[in-house]
Amino acid sequence: MAGFQWAGDLTGAAPVIRTMQVAANCYVGQLLREDANAGGLVEPIAAAAAGPDTTSNIIGICTGVVTSPTWDSTYLGDLATYDTTQATLVANDPKGPALVEVTLLTPTSLIKGPVCKDTLGTAPERKACTTGSSDGLTFVVATIDTTVSNYSTAYCSKGANRGQYRKITTGATTTQTVLVPFTYAIATGDTFVIVNIREGFAHIDFGTQFQSIDSSPALTSYYYAYVHELNLDLAGKEYAVFSLGSSHLAIGR
């Protein structure tokens, strides 16, 4: 399954899955929120509307389509189509409005999701260093979307510091600065993965398909999250395991 997945619970609780009527087209792997204005119950979340977001009541993850599932090659999962006419309701299998399986989220839920540059299948920035430093505190890469001071991460994927993560304390489009140095000197040609997410208390936003964490948002608007694990090792397979802040959830706020 592409997109977000339920990865456990801090309390050891089992997943709670409910069948819900959609209020917009929904895809497996999307985060879903309450929809109070349409005919159904849930719809995909939206990009953060403030810092922090105060508008989304996130209910859970779409983990299955009950009614007439249709595979979508862009979203890499099944689609549930929102229908509002009798003819389409009769044509559905089973008959009636489109239903999805939703795995409910609480503040202790663990969510695993890909880290992508805006859309599924687009890997985060992975850039070669053009200017290094002997003290391991700065390095320069070709222009990227600006990093966010104290809320971005640099991971060395090639070079003497391979496997090391550091929080970027001064963000920019080219020169990246850390407060805790990389263990060894940074050399020209070393490669770094750079994302606007960090382990621990984080500000995050989601890709346009709402199936991934966006790797390079400006974070002027964001969701609160606690990132338990950030893994940037393999290109195209970057992921994070996180819990959402209770203020964004319909359950447990």
Foldseek 3Di string as FASTA:
>chain_A
DAFKDFDAFPVRDDWDKDKWFDQAKDWARFFWFADPPGPTGIDGDDWFPAAERQPTATFFGFHFWDKPWDADPQRRGTMFHADDDQVVQVVIVVHGGTMTMGGGAAQGIKMKAAAAAQGQPHWFDKFFFADWFFQQFKTWTPFDQKEDAQQKKKAWQFDPLHPDIFHFHDIDRTMTGGDDGRPGTRDGGTIIGMFRHDAAWHWWTPHPSNRHTNRRDPSNYTWIKHWHDWDRHDTSGTMTMIGGDRSNHNPHD
